[in-house]
Amino acid sequence: MLPLLLWTLTLSTAQAAPAPALPQLLQDIEAKYSAAGTLQADYTQVVESSAMGRKKTSSGTLEVKRPGKLRWEQTRPDRNLLVSDGATFWFYTPPFDESEHGQVIIKKTSEVQSRLATSLLAGAFSSSAKDMRVRARTESIFLLQPRRGAAGSVSSIEIEADPKAKTIQRVRLQHRDGNLSEITLQNIRLGEPAPDAHFTFTPPPNTDRVTE
C-alpha cells in the first residue's frame, strides 16, 4: 500500500495567510530538525475507511533530507518504494514473482499532490501550517485545523510530540468523509548521513512505466 498521505492531500494555491504562531514545543522541534538536516525512522501507517469499514496497516522506513528529498520504503504487507530527489517522484512496485514485470510511475514534483504529512513528520511546521489554526490540547498533543480548501479533504490534524526528545511521534489526519489516516514513527534518528543516491531511482529491467 502506497503511503496514501502523500498522494491524497492537495494544498490550496490561493495566496497563503500569515503563518500562525506556533506553540513553543513545535518551534523547538522545527529548529532542531532544520539544524539536523536529515530524518530517518521506521513507520507504521494505518488507514481506516469509513465507507468500507476496514482498516489497513502497513510499515516500512522513512528517510527525509532537506530540502525536498524523501524516501518511503514499504516492507509490509507488500513491498513498494516512493522516492523523490526534489524534482522527480518515482513510485515503484516490484513484481510478485520472476515471471512478472514491475511497475513504476514517474512524475515531476510539480505534478504531485501535497506532501503535507511528510512535512509535518519532518518538522516543517511554518510552511505546512500556514493556512491552519494551531492549538495545544495537552503538553504533547497539538490540533491543527485547516482553513476549508487549504488541505484537500482533511478536516483536522493531530500531532503528537515527545517533549523531552523534541521529536514528532505521530501524525493523524481526519478526513471530511470520515476516513482516518495515521502515521507513527519509531527509532527516530536525526542528522545521520543520507547520501543523495538514496533519493533517486533507476528502474530495474522488466519494469513497465505506468501513465496515470
C-alpha atoms as a PDB file:
ATOM      1  CA  MET A   1       0.000   0.000   0.000  1.00  0.00           C
ATOM      2  CA  LEU A   2       1.427   3.338  -1.093  1.00  0.00           C
ATOM      3  CA  PRO A   3       1.858   5.874   1.703  1.00  0.00           C
ATOM      4  CA  LEU A   4      -1.554   7.369   0.990  1.00  0.00           C
ATOM      5  CA  LEU A   5      -0.925  10.543   2.945  1.00  0.00           C
ATOM      6  CA  LEU A   6       1.499  11.621   0.253  1.00  0.00           C
ATOM      7  CA  TRP A   7      -0.999  11.414  -2.571  1.00  0.00           C
ATOM      8  CA  THR A   8      -4.447  12.268  -1.220  1.00  0.00           C
ATOM      9  CA  LEU A   9      -3.909  15.827   0.006  1.00  0.00           C
ATOM     10  CA  THR A  10      -3.975  18.983  -2.078  1.00  0.00           C
ATOM     11  CA  LEU A  11      -2.993  22.328  -0.638  1.00  0.00           C
ATOM     12  CA  SER A  12      -4.743  25.494  -1.756  1.00  0.00           C
ATOM     13  CA  THR A  13      -2.975  27.501  -4.443  1.00  0.00           C
ATOM     14  CA  ALA A  14      -4.524  30.724  -3.159  1.00  0.00           C
ATOM     15  CA  GLN A  15      -2.308  33.327  -1.515  1.00  0.00           C
ATOM     16  CA  ALA A  16      -1.300  31.978   1.894  1.00  0.00           C
ATOM     17  CA  ALA A  17      -2.439  33.678   5.066  1.00  0.00           C
ATOM     18  CA  PRO A  18       0.169  34.855   7.583  1.00  0.00           C
ATOM     19  CA  ALA A  19       1.750  31.912   9.391  1.00  0.00           C
ATOM     20  CA  PRO A  20       0.095  31.263  12.760  1.00  0.00           C
ATOM     21  CA  ALA A  21       2.032  31.479  15.980  1.00  0.00           C
ATOM     22  CA  LEU A  22       3.354  28.013  16.775  1.00  0.00           C
ATOM     23  CA  PRO A  23       3.409  26.567  20.305  1.00  0.00           C
ATOM     24  CA  GLN A  24       6.906  26.709  21.769  1.00  0.00           C
ATOM     25  CA  LEU A  25       7.478  22.941  21.602  1.00  0.00           C
ATOM     26  CA  LEU A  26       6.733  22.892  17.867  1.00  0.00           C
ATOM     27  CA  GLN A  27       9.079  25.838  17.371  1.00  0.00           C
ATOM     28  CA  ASP A  28      11.811  23.958  19.226  1.00  0.00           C
ATOM     29  CA  ILE A  29      11.242  20.799  17.175  1.00  0.00           C
ATOM     30  CA  GLU A  30      11.282  22.722  13.906  1.00  0.00           C
ATOM     31  CA  ALA A  31      14.591  24.369  14.822  1.00  0.00           C
ATOM     32  CA  LYS A  32      16.103  21.022  15.869  1.00  0.00           C
ATOM     33  CA  TYR A  33      15.013  19.214  12.696  1.00  0.00           C
ATOM     34  CA  SER A  34      16.155  22.079  10.481  1.00  0.00           C
ATOM     35  CA  ALA A  35      19.607  22.048  12.038  1.00  0.00           C
ATOM     36  CA  ALA A  36      19.832  18.247  11.724  1.00  0.00           C
ATOM     37  CA  GLY A  37      19.057  18.302   8.005  1.00  0.00           C
ATOM     38  CA  THR A  38      18.043  14.619   7.833  1.00  0.00           C
ATOM     39  CA  LEU A  39      15.414  12.382   9.410  1.00  0.00           C
ATOM     40  CA  GLN A  40      15.388   8.588   9.386  1.00  0.00           C
ATOM     41  CA  ALA A  41      12.763   6.427  11.100  1.00  0.00           C
ATOM     42  CA  ASP A  42      10.667   3.286  10.982  1.00  0.00           C
ATOM     43  CA  TYR A  43       6.978   3.960  10.332  1.00  0.00           C
ATOM     44  CA  THR A  44       3.619   2.301  10.778  1.00  0.00           C
ATOM     45  CA  GLN A  45       0.704   3.637   8.751  1.00  0.00           C
ATOM     46  CA  VAL A  46      -2.952   2.903   9.497  1.00  0.00           C
ATOM     47  CA  VAL A  47      -5.717   3.916   7.102  1.00  0.00           C
ATOM     48  CA  GLU A  48      -9.322   3.448   8.223  1.00  0.00           C
ATOM     49  CA  SER A  49     -12.067   3.543   5.600  1.00  0.00           C
ATOM     50  CA  SER A  50     -15.399   4.766   6.934  1.00  0.00           C
ATOM     51  CA  ALA A  51     -17.369   3.577   3.902  1.00  0.00           C
ATOM     52  CA  MET A  52     -15.789   0.122   3.753  1.00  0.00           C
ATOM     53  CA  GLY A  53     -15.449  -0.357   7.493  1.00  0.00           C
ATOM     54  CA  ARG A  54     -11.910  -1.601   7.002  1.00  0.00           C
ATOM     55  CA  LYS A  55      -8.515  -0.815   8.477  1.00  0.00           C
ATOM     56  CA  LYS A  56      -5.275  -1.258   6.524  1.00  0.00           C
ATOM     57  CA  THR A  57      -1.888  -1.297   8.223  1.00  0.00           C
ATOM     58  CA  SER A  58       1.468  -1.012   6.520  1.00  0.00           C
ATOM     59  CA  SER A  59       5.012  -0.427   7.720  1.00  0.00           C
ATOM     60  CA  GLY A  60       8.495   0.329   6.499  1.00  0.00           C
ATOM     61  CA  THR A  61      11.143   3.029   6.667  1.00  0.00           C
ATOM     62  CA  LEU A  62      11.107   6.776   6.057  1.00  0.00           C
ATOM     63  CA  GLU A  63      14.055   8.959   5.123  1.00  0.00           C
ATOM     64  CA  VAL A  64      13.938  12.740   4.587  1.00  0.00           C
ATOM     65  CA  LYS A  65      16.730  15.072   3.564  1.00  0.00           C
ATOM     66  CA  ARG A  66      16.314  18.816   3.337  1.00  0.00           C
ATOM     67  CA  PRO A  67      15.442  20.395   1.070  1.00  0.00           C
ATOM     68  CA  GLY A  68      12.757  18.314  -0.624  1.00  0.00           C
ATOM     69  CA  LYS A  69      14.253  14.822  -0.750  1.00  0.00           C
ATOM     70  CA  LEU A  70      12.373  11.822   0.617  1.00  0.00           C
ATOM     71  CA  ARG A  71      12.279   8.047   0.518  1.00  0.00           C
ATOM     72  CA  TRP A  72       9.372   5.880   1.711  1.00  0.00           C
ATOM     73  CA  GLU A  73      10.164   2.175   1.561  1.00  0.00           C
ATOM     74  CA  GLN A  74       7.226  -0.042   2.477  1.00  0.00           C
ATOM     75  CA  THR A  75       8.175  -3.564   3.551  1.00  0.00           C
ATOM     76  CA  ARG A  76       4.835  -4.908   4.879  1.00  0.00           C
ATOM     77  CA  PRO A  77       2.395  -6.242   3.852  1.00  0.00           C
ATOM     78  CA  ASP A  78       3.770  -5.740   0.335  1.00  0.00           C
ATOM     79  CA  ARG A  79       6.942  -4.085  -0.886  1.00  0.00           C
ATOM     80  CA  ASN A  80       6.947  -0.786  -2.752  1.00  0.00           C
ATOM     81  CA  LEU A  81       9.100   2.305  -2.916  1.00  0.00           C
ATOM     82  CA  LEU A  82       8.413   6.037  -3.214  1.00  0.00           C
ATOM     83  CA  VAL A  83      11.447   8.223  -3.902  1.00  0.00           C
ATOM     84  CA  SER A  84      11.917  11.918  -4.666  1.00  0.00           C
ATOM     85  CA  ASP A  85      15.065  13.921  -5.349  1.00  0.00           C
ATOM     86  CA  GLY A  86      13.125  17.178  -5.067  1.00  0.00           C
ATOM     87  CA  ALA A  87      12.497  17.439  -8.812  1.00  0.00           C
ATOM     88  CA  THR A  88      11.149  13.978  -9.747  1.00  0.00           C
ATOM     89  CA  PHE A  89       8.985  11.382  -7.998  1.00  0.00           C
ATOM     90  CA  TRP A  90       9.283   7.645  -8.596  1.00  0.00           C
ATOM     91  CA  PHE A  91       6.762   5.144  -7.240  1.00  0.00           C
ATOM     92  CA  TYR A  92       7.941   1.598  -7.843  1.00  0.00           C
ATOM     93  CA  THR A  93       6.028  -1.639  -7.296  1.00  0.00           C
ATOM     94  CA  PRO A  94       8.221  -4.734  -7.703  1.00  0.00           C
ATOM     95  CA  PRO A  95       6.874  -7.888  -9.372  1.00  0.00           C
ATOM     96  CA  PHE A  96       5.332 -10.594  -7.228  1.00  0.00           C
ATOM     97  CA  ASP A  97       7.432 -13.259  -8.918  1.00  0.00           C
ATOM     98  CA  GLU A  98      10.173 -13.504 -11.544  1.00  0.00           C
ATOM     99  CA  SER A  99       7.705 -14.147 -14.382  1.00  0.00           C
ATOM    100  CA  GLU A 100       6.048 -10.740 -13.957  1.00  0.00           C
ATOM    101  CA  HIS A 101       7.116  -7.165 -14.596  1.00  0.00           C
ATOM    102  CA  GLY A 102       7.447  -4.458 -12.003  1.00  0.00           C
ATOM    103  CA  GLN A 103       5.751  -1.084 -12.445  1.00  0.00           C
ATOM    104  CA  VAL A 104       6.967   2.473 -11.971  1.00  0.00           C
ATOM    105  CA  ILE A 105       5.115   5.783 -12.005  1.00  0.00           C
ATOM    106  CA  ILE A 106       7.343   8.801 -12.715  1.00  0.00           C
ATOM    107  CA  LYS A 107       6.151  12.364 -12.167  1.00  0.00           C
ATOM    108  CA  LYS A 108       7.604  15.812 -11.825  1.00  0.00           C
ATOM    109  CA  THR A 109       7.369  17.255  -8.328  1.00  0.00           C
ATOM    110  CA  SER A 110       5.051  19.960  -9.671  1.00  0.00           C
ATOM    111  CA  GLU A 111       2.602  17.247 -10.767  1.00  0.00           C
ATOM    112  CA  VAL A 112       2.445  15.517  -7.379  1.00  0.00           C
ATOM    113  CA  GLN A 113      -0.145  16.451  -4.822  1.00  0.00           C
ATOM    114  CA  SER A 114       0.783  17.854  -1.433  1.00  0.00           C
ATOM    115  CA  ARG A 115       3.201  16.057   0.866  1.00  0.00           C
ATOM    116  CA  LEU A 116       1.563  17.535   3.955  1.00  0.00           C
ATOM    117  CA  ALA A 117       2.012  14.534   6.246  1.00  0.00           C
ATOM    118  CA  THR A 118       5.687  14.187   5.349  1.00  0.00           C
ATOM    119  CA  SER A 119       6.267  17.892   6.005  1.00  0.00           C
ATOM    120  CA  LEU A 120       4.707  17.610   9.459  1.00  0.00           C
ATOM    121  CA  LEU A 121       6.626  14.438  10.324  1.00  0.00           C
ATOM    122  CA  ALA A 122       9.814  16.231   9.240  1.00  0.00           C
ATOM    123  CA  GLY A 123       9.052  19.226  11.480  1.00  0.00           C
ATOM    124  CA  ALA A 124       8.359  21.744   8.694  1.00  0.00           C
ATOM    125  CA  PHE A 125       5.507  23.417  10.554  1.00  0.00           C
ATOM    126  CA  SER A 126       5.949  27.022   9.469  1.00  0.00           C
ATOM    127  CA  SER A 127       5.363  26.192   5.797  1.00  0.00           C
ATOM    128  CA  SER A 128       2.836  23.365   6.120  1.00  0.00           C
ATOM    129  CA  ALA A 129       0.582  25.038   8.722  1.00  0.00           C
ATOM    130  CA  LYS A 130       0.250  28.467   7.082  1.00  0.00           C
ATOM    131  CA  ASP A 131      -3.494  28.090   6.495  1.00  0.00           C
ATOM    132  CA  MET A 132      -4.259  26.314   9.773  1.00  0.00           C
ATOM    133  CA  ARG A 133      -5.237  27.220  13.301  1.00  0.00           C
ATOM    134  CA  VAL A 134      -2.842  25.541  15.712  1.00  0.00           C
ATOM    135  CA  ARG A 135      -3.570  24.926  19.372  1.00  0.00           C
ATOM    136  CA  ALA A 136      -2.182  22.728  22.111  1.00  0.00           C
ATOM    137  CA  ARG A 137      -4.539  20.069  23.505  1.00  0.00           C
ATOM    138  CA  THR A 138      -2.005  18.777  26.015  1.00  0.00           C
ATOM    139  CA  GLU A 139       1.703  19.264  26.619  1.00  0.00           C
ATOM    140  CA  SER A 140       2.494  16.858  23.792  1.00  0.00           C
ATOM    141  CA  ILE A 141      -0.584  16.791  21.522  1.00  0.00           C
ATOM    142  CA  PHE A 142      -1.458  19.578  19.099  1.00  0.00           C
ATOM    143  CA  LEU A 143      -4.535  20.106  16.935  1.00  0.00           C
ATOM    144  CA  LEU A 144      -4.279  21.750  13.515  1.00  0.00           C
ATOM    145  CA  GLN A 145      -7.487  22.869  11.835  1.00  0.00           C
ATOM    146  CA  PRO A 146      -7.051  23.829   8.158  1.00  0.00           C
ATOM    147  CA  ARG A 147      -8.991  26.603   6.513  1.00  0.00           C
ATOM    148  CA  ARG A 148     -11.581  24.939   4.291  1.00  0.00           C
ATOM    149  CA  GLY A 149      -9.994  24.049   0.971  1.00  0.00           C
ATOM    150  CA  ALA A 150      -6.462  24.502   2.259  1.00  0.00           C
ATOM    151  CA  ALA A 151      -5.744  20.789   2.843  1.00  0.00           C
ATOM    152  CA  GLY A 152      -7.956  18.909   0.437  1.00  0.00           C
ATOM    153  CA  SER A 153     -10.325  16.535   2.206  1.00  0.00           C
ATOM    154  CA  VAL A 154      -8.611  16.877   5.588  1.00  0.00           C
ATOM    155  CA  SER A 155     -10.752  18.493   8.292  1.00  0.00           C
ATOM    156  CA  SER A 156      -8.310  18.248  11.203  1.00  0.00           C
ATOM    157  CA  ILE A 157      -4.800  17.069  12.015  1.00  0.00           C
ATOM    158  CA  GLU A 158      -3.426  15.830  15.315  1.00  0.00           C
ATOM    159  CA  ILE A 159       0.303  15.864  16.005  1.00  0.00           C
ATOM    160  CA  GLU A 160       1.847  14.038  18.943  1.00  0.00           C
ATOM    161  CA  ALA A 161       5.356  15.034  20.029  1.00  0.00           C
ATOM    162  CA  ASP A 162       7.862  13.858  22.616  1.00  0.00           C
ATOM    163  CA  PRO A 163       8.563  16.930  24.802  1.00  0.00           C
ATOM    164  CA  LYS A 164      11.822  15.515  26.175  1.00  0.00           C
ATOM    165  CA  ALA A 165      13.339  14.198  22.959  1.00  0.00           C
ATOM    166  CA  LYS A 166      11.743  17.006  20.914  1.00  0.00           C
ATOM    167  CA  THR A 167      10.647  14.690  18.123  1.00  0.00           C
ATOM    168  CA  ILE A 168       7.400  14.061  16.256  1.00  0.00           C
ATOM    169  CA  GLN A 169       5.941  10.677  17.157  1.00  0.00           C
ATOM    170  CA  ARG A 170       2.630  10.613  15.310  1.00  0.00           C
ATOM    171  CA  VAL A 171       0.534  12.489  12.741  1.00  0.00           C
ATOM    172  CA  ARG A 172      -3.190  11.687  12.492  1.00  0.00           C
ATOM    173  CA  LEU A 173      -5.493  13.114   9.823  1.00  0.00           C
ATOM    174  CA  GLN A 174      -9.274  13.176   9.982  1.00  0.00           C
ATOM    175  CA  HIS A 175     -10.960  13.419   6.591  1.00  0.00           C
ATOM    176  CA  ARG A 176     -14.331  15.006   5.945  1.00  0.00           C
ATOM    177  CA  ASP A 177     -15.691  11.725   4.570  1.00  0.00           C
ATOM    178  CA  GLY A 178     -14.994  10.025   7.915  1.00  0.00           C
ATOM    179  CA  ASN A 179     -11.769   8.293   6.876  1.00  0.00           C
ATOM    180  CA  LEU A 180      -8.752   8.373   9.187  1.00  0.00           C
ATOM    181  CA  SER A 181      -5.060   8.306   8.259  1.00  0.00           C
ATOM    182  CA  GLU A 182      -2.307   7.919  10.825  1.00  0.00           C
ATOM    183  CA  ILE A 183       1.460   7.529  10.687  1.00  0.00           C
ATOM    184  CA  THR A 184       3.507   6.656  13.762  1.00  0.00           C
ATOM    185  CA  LEU A 185       7.311   6.858  13.806  1.00  0.00           C
ATOM    186  CA  GLN A 186       9.715   4.723  15.809  1.00  0.00           C
ATOM    187  CA  ASN A 187      13.518   4.636  16.078  1.00  0.00           C
ATOM    188  CA  ILE A 188      13.834   8.264  15.011  1.00  0.00           C
ATOM    189  CA  ARG A 189      17.362   9.352  14.037  1.00  0.00           C
ATOM    190  CA  LEU A 190      18.285  12.928  13.205  1.00  0.00           C
ATOM    191  CA  GLY A 191      21.374  14.263  11.462  1.00  0.00           C
ATOM    192  CA  GLU A 192      22.712  10.929  10.209  1.00  0.00           C
ATOM    193  CA  PRO A 193      24.409  10.763   6.788  1.00  0.00           C
ATOM    194  CA  ALA A 194      21.943  10.378   3.915  1.00  0.00           C
ATOM    195  CA  PRO A 195      23.661  10.059   0.513  1.00  0.00           C
ATOM    196  CA  ASP A 196      21.841  11.701  -2.393  1.00  0.00           C
ATOM    197  CA  ALA A 197      21.834   8.293  -4.097  1.00  0.00           C
ATOM    198  CA  HIS A 198      19.111   7.237  -1.625  1.00  0.00           C
ATOM    199  CA  PHE A 199      16.784   9.800  -3.190  1.00  0.00           C
ATOM    200  CA  THR A 200      16.931   8.836  -6.839  1.00  0.00           C
ATOM    201  CA  PHE A 201      15.769   5.685  -8.598  1.00  0.00           C
ATOM    202  CA  THR A 202      16.703   3.753 -11.708  1.00  0.00           C
ATOM    203  CA  PRO A 203      14.009   1.209 -12.625  1.00  0.00           C
ATOM    204  CA  PRO A 204      15.384  -2.323 -12.927  1.00  0.00           C
ATOM    205  CA  PRO A 205      14.981  -4.366 -16.134  1.00  0.00           C
ATOM    206  CA  ASN A 206      11.484  -5.685 -16.882  1.00  0.00           C
ATOM    207  CA  THR A 207       9.790  -2.651 -15.332  1.00  0.00           C
ATOM    208  CA  ASP A 208       6.751  -1.145 -17.037  1.00  0.00           C
ATOM    209  CA  ARG A 209       6.157   2.593 -16.873  1.00  0.00           C
ATOM    210  CA  VAL A 210       2.548   3.336 -15.900  1.00  0.00           C
ATOM    211  CA  THR A 211       0.822   6.516 -17.071  1.00  0.00           C
ATOM    212  CA  GLU A 212      -1.883   7.903 -14.770  1.00  0.00           C
END
